């Protein structure tokens, strides 16, 4: 009987010493805004060069970086409005 009480007390002490474990915070993924005065079809070369430069730095779109594309379709006033926001 004495052994059961000692075991119970030691178990309770071990459980009391356990610290709560907190979850890891979600890693923030960098976000880039890509603004172009043209259209998506007219800037394929520039966009691919931009993505290649990011890949050389270790960034892969959709994996460890998010890119928001905006096209002004040759309207400079739309570009100015997007830059203000």
N, C-alpha and C. Protein backbone atom coordinates (compact mmCIF):
# COMPACT_ATOMS: atom_id res chain seq x y z
N UNK A 1 0.80 -1.18 0.00
CA UNK A 1 0.00 0.00 0.00
C UNK A 1 0.86 1.26 0.00
N UNK A 2 1.94 1.19 0.78
CA UNK A 2 2.85 2.32 0.87
C UNK A 2 3.50 2.60 -0.49
N UNK A 3 3.82 1.53 -1.23
CA UNK A 3 4.44 1.68 -2.55
C UNK A 3 3.49 2.35 -3.53
N UNK A 4 2.21 2.05 -3.43
CA UNK A 4 1.23 2.65 -4.33
C UNK A 4 1.11 4.15 -4.07
N UNK A 5 1.15 4.55 -2.80
CA UNK A 5 1.04 5.97 -2.45
C UNK A 5 2.27 6.71 -2.94
N UNK A 6 3.45 6.13 -2.75
CA UNK A 6 4.70 6.75 -3.21
C UNK A 6 4.69 6.88 -4.73
N UNK A 7 4.25 5.85 -5.42
CA UNK A 7 4.18 5.89 -6.88
C UNK A 7 3.19 6.96 -7.33
N UNK A 8 2.06 7.04 -6.67
CA UNK A 8 1.06 8.04 -7.01
C UNK A 8 1.59 9.46 -6.79
N UNK A 9 2.27 9.69 -5.68
CA UNK A 9 2.82 11.01 -5.37
C UNK A 9 3.91 11.38 -6.37
N UNK A 10 4.79 10.45 -6.68
CA UNK A 10 5.85 10.72 -7.66
C UNK A 10 5.26 11.01 -9.05
N UNK A 11 4.24 10.27 -9.41
CA UNK A 11 3.60 10.50 -10.72
C UNK A 11 2.96 11.88 -10.76
N UNK A 12 2.30 12.26 -9.67
CA UNK A 12 1.67 13.57 -9.62
C UNK A 12 2.71 14.68 -9.70
N UNK A 13 3.85 14.48 -9.04
CA UNK A 13 4.91 15.48 -9.09
C UNK A 13 5.48 15.60 -10.49
N UNK A 14 5.66 14.49 -11.18
CA UNK A 14 6.18 14.52 -12.55
C UNK A 14 5.22 15.24 -13.48
N UNK A 15 3.94 14.96 -13.31
CA UNK A 15 2.95 15.64 -14.15
C UNK A 15 2.90 17.13 -13.85
N UNK A 16 3.07 17.51 -12.60
CA UNK A 16 3.06 18.93 -12.23
C UNK A 16 4.26 19.67 -12.80
N UNK A 17 5.38 18.96 -12.99
CA UNK A 17 6.58 19.60 -13.51
C UNK A 17 6.56 19.78 -15.02
N UNK A 18 5.68 19.05 -15.69
CA UNK A 18 5.61 19.16 -17.15
C UNK A 18 5.07 20.55 -17.52
N UNK A 19 5.79 21.22 -18.38
CA UNK A 19 5.37 22.55 -18.82
C UNK A 19 4.47 22.41 -20.04
N UNK A 20 3.50 23.27 -20.18
CA UNK A 20 2.65 23.20 -21.36
C UNK A 20 3.45 23.52 -22.62
N UNK A 21 3.15 22.81 -23.67
CA UNK A 21 3.85 23.00 -24.93
C UNK A 21 3.00 23.91 -25.81
N UNK A 22 3.62 24.94 -26.34
CA UNK A 22 2.88 25.85 -27.22
C UNK A 22 3.17 25.48 -28.67
N UNK A 23 2.18 25.68 -29.51
CA UNK A 23 2.34 25.38 -30.93
C UNK A 23 3.25 26.41 -31.58
N UNK A 24 3.92 25.99 -32.63
CA UNK A 24 4.76 26.92 -33.38
C UNK A 24 3.88 27.88 -34.16
N UNK A 25 4.30 29.13 -34.21
CA UNK A 25 3.56 30.10 -34.98
C UNK A 25 3.76 29.85 -36.47
N UNK A 26 2.72 30.11 -37.22
CA UNK A 26 2.82 29.95 -38.66
C UNK A 26 3.85 30.95 -39.20
N UNK A 27 4.68 30.45 -40.10
CA UNK A 27 5.71 31.29 -40.68
C UNK A 27 5.08 32.26 -41.68
N UNK A 28 5.45 33.53 -41.58
CA UNK A 28 4.92 34.52 -42.50
C UNK A 28 5.58 34.35 -43.86
N UNK A 29 4.76 34.34 -44.89
CA UNK A 29 5.25 34.20 -46.25
C UNK A 29 5.34 35.60 -46.86
N UNK A 30 6.50 35.97 -47.41
CA UNK A 30 6.63 37.29 -48.03
C UNK A 30 5.64 37.45 -49.19
N UNK A 31 5.15 38.67 -49.36
CA UNK A 31 4.19 38.97 -50.42
C UNK A 31 4.75 40.14 -51.24
N UNK A 32 4.73 39.98 -52.56
CA UNK A 32 5.23 41.00 -53.47
C UNK A 32 4.08 41.46 -54.35
N UNK A 33 3.98 42.77 -54.56
CA UNK A 33 3.02 43.31 -55.50
C UNK A 33 3.73 43.62 -56.81
N UNK A 34 3.29 43.02 -57.90
CA UNK A 34 3.89 43.21 -59.22
C UNK A 34 2.92 44.06 -60.04
N UNK A 35 3.28 45.30 -60.29
CA UNK A 35 2.43 46.24 -61.02
C UNK A 35 3.08 46.56 -62.36
N UNK A 36 2.32 46.39 -63.42
CA UNK A 36 2.84 46.66 -64.76
C UNK A 36 1.84 47.50 -65.54
N UNK A 37 2.34 48.48 -66.32
CA UNK A 37 1.42 49.32 -67.09
C UNK A 37 0.81 48.57 -68.29
N UNK A 38 1.41 47.48 -68.70
CA UNK A 38 0.91 46.74 -69.85
C UNK A 38 -0.12 45.69 -69.45
N UNK A 39 -0.19 44.64 -70.24
CA UNK A 39 -1.11 43.54 -69.95
C UNK A 39 -0.29 42.29 -69.66
N UNK A 40 -0.95 41.26 -69.19
CA UNK A 40 -0.26 40.02 -68.85
C UNK A 40 0.41 39.40 -70.08
N UNK A 41 -0.23 39.49 -71.22
CA UNK A 41 0.32 38.87 -72.42
C UNK A 41 1.50 39.65 -73.00
N UNK A 42 1.56 40.96 -72.79
CA UNK A 42 2.64 41.75 -73.37
C UNK A 42 3.90 41.76 -72.50
N UNK A 43 3.81 41.29 -71.26
CA UNK A 43 4.95 41.34 -70.35
C UNK A 43 5.47 39.98 -69.93
N UNK A 44 5.25 38.97 -70.75
CA UNK A 44 5.69 37.63 -70.38
C UNK A 44 7.19 37.55 -70.16
N UNK A 45 7.96 38.22 -71.00
CA UNK A 45 9.42 38.18 -70.87
C UNK A 45 9.91 38.82 -69.58
N UNK A 46 9.35 39.98 -69.27
CA UNK A 46 9.74 40.67 -68.03
C UNK A 46 9.34 39.87 -66.79
N UNK A 47 8.13 39.34 -66.84
CA UNK A 47 7.65 38.57 -65.68
C UNK A 47 8.50 37.32 -65.48
N UNK A 48 8.85 36.63 -66.56
CA UNK A 48 9.67 35.42 -66.43
C UNK A 48 11.07 35.76 -65.93
N UNK A 49 11.63 36.89 -66.38
CA UNK A 49 12.93 37.32 -65.88
C UNK A 49 12.86 37.65 -64.39
N UNK A 50 11.77 38.27 -63.98
CA UNK A 50 11.55 38.60 -62.57
C UNK A 50 11.48 37.31 -61.74
N UNK A 51 10.72 36.34 -62.22
CA UNK A 51 10.60 35.07 -61.49
C UNK A 51 11.92 34.31 -61.45
N UNK A 52 12.69 34.38 -62.54
CA UNK A 52 14.00 33.72 -62.56
C UNK A 52 14.93 34.34 -61.53
N UNK A 53 14.91 35.67 -61.43
CA UNK A 53 15.73 36.34 -60.41
C UNK A 53 15.34 35.93 -59.00
N UNK A 54 14.04 35.80 -58.76
CA UNK A 54 13.58 35.33 -57.45
C UNK A 54 14.03 33.90 -57.18
N UNK A 55 13.95 33.04 -58.20
CA UNK A 55 14.40 31.64 -58.04
C UNK A 55 15.88 31.58 -57.70
N UNK A 56 16.67 32.45 -58.31
CA UNK A 56 18.11 32.48 -58.02
C UNK A 56 18.38 32.88 -56.56
N UNK A 57 17.44 33.63 -55.98
CA UNK A 57 17.57 34.03 -54.58
C UNK A 57 16.92 33.01 -53.63
N UNK A 58 16.35 31.95 -54.20
CA UNK A 58 15.77 30.89 -53.37
C UNK A 58 14.27 31.00 -53.16
N UNK A 59 13.61 31.89 -53.88
CA UNK A 59 12.17 32.05 -53.72
C UNK A 59 11.44 31.37 -54.87
N UNK A 60 10.40 30.62 -54.54
CA UNK A 60 9.59 29.94 -55.54
C UNK A 60 8.14 30.37 -55.33
N UNK A 61 7.53 30.92 -56.37
CA UNK A 61 6.17 31.40 -56.26
C UNK A 61 5.22 30.27 -55.86
N UNK A 62 4.40 30.54 -54.88
CA UNK A 62 3.45 29.55 -54.40
C UNK A 62 4.02 28.62 -53.34
N UNK A 63 5.34 28.63 -53.18
CA UNK A 63 5.96 27.76 -52.18
C UNK A 63 6.42 28.57 -50.97
N UNK A 64 7.26 29.57 -51.20
CA UNK A 64 7.75 30.38 -50.08
C UNK A 64 7.63 31.88 -50.34
N UNK A 65 6.84 32.23 -51.35
CA UNK A 65 6.57 33.64 -51.64
C UNK A 65 5.24 33.75 -52.39
N UNK A 66 4.53 34.85 -52.17
CA UNK A 66 3.26 35.10 -52.86
C UNK A 66 3.43 36.36 -53.69
N UNK A 67 2.98 36.31 -54.93
CA UNK A 67 3.08 37.47 -55.82
C UNK A 67 1.68 37.86 -56.26
N UNK A 68 1.33 39.12 -56.03
CA UNK A 68 0.05 39.65 -56.49
C UNK A 68 0.31 40.44 -57.76
N UNK A 69 -0.25 39.99 -58.88
CA UNK A 69 -0.06 40.64 -60.17
C UNK A 69 -1.19 41.62 -60.41
N UNK A 70 -0.84 42.79 -60.92
CA UNK A 70 -1.83 43.79 -61.35
C UNK A 70 -1.37 44.34 -62.69
N UNK A 71 -2.32 44.44 -63.62
CA UNK A 71 -2.03 44.93 -64.96
C UNK A 71 -2.88 46.16 -65.22
N UNK A 72 -2.28 47.25 -65.66
CA UNK A 72 -3.00 48.48 -65.91
C UNK A 72 -3.58 48.54 -67.32
N UNK A 73 -3.18 47.61 -68.17
CA UNK A 73 -3.67 47.58 -69.55
C UNK A 73 -3.43 48.92 -70.25
N UNK A 74 -2.20 49.45 -70.06
CA UNK A 74 -1.76 50.70 -70.70
C UNK A 74 -2.43 51.95 -70.14
N UNK A 75 -3.06 51.86 -68.99
CA UNK A 75 -3.70 53.03 -68.39
C UNK A 75 -2.86 53.50 -67.22
N UNK A 76 -2.14 54.61 -67.39
CA UNK A 76 -1.26 55.10 -66.33
C UNK A 76 -2.04 55.60 -65.12
N UNK A 77 -3.27 56.04 -65.32
CA UNK A 77 -4.08 56.50 -64.18
C UNK A 77 -4.40 55.33 -63.25
N UNK A 78 -4.63 54.14 -63.82
CA UNK A 78 -4.87 52.96 -62.98
C UNK A 78 -3.63 52.61 -62.18
N UNK A 79 -2.45 52.75 -62.79
CA UNK A 79 -1.20 52.49 -62.06
C UNK A 79 -1.07 53.43 -60.87
N UNK A 80 -1.36 54.70 -61.07
CA UNK A 80 -1.26 55.66 -59.98
C UNK A 80 -2.25 55.33 -58.87
N UNK A 81 -3.46 54.92 -59.25
CA UNK A 81 -4.45 54.55 -58.22
C UNK A 81 -4.00 53.36 -57.41
N UNK A 82 -3.42 52.36 -58.05
CA UNK A 82 -2.96 51.16 -57.32
C UNK A 82 -1.80 51.51 -56.41
N UNK A 83 -0.94 52.41 -56.86
CA UNK A 83 0.21 52.79 -56.03
C UNK A 83 -0.24 53.54 -54.78
N UNK A 84 -1.31 54.29 -54.87
CA UNK A 84 -1.80 55.03 -53.71
C UNK A 84 -2.37 54.09 -52.65
N UNK A 85 -2.93 52.97 -53.07
CA UNK A 85 -3.54 52.03 -52.12
C UNK A 85 -2.47 51.20 -51.58
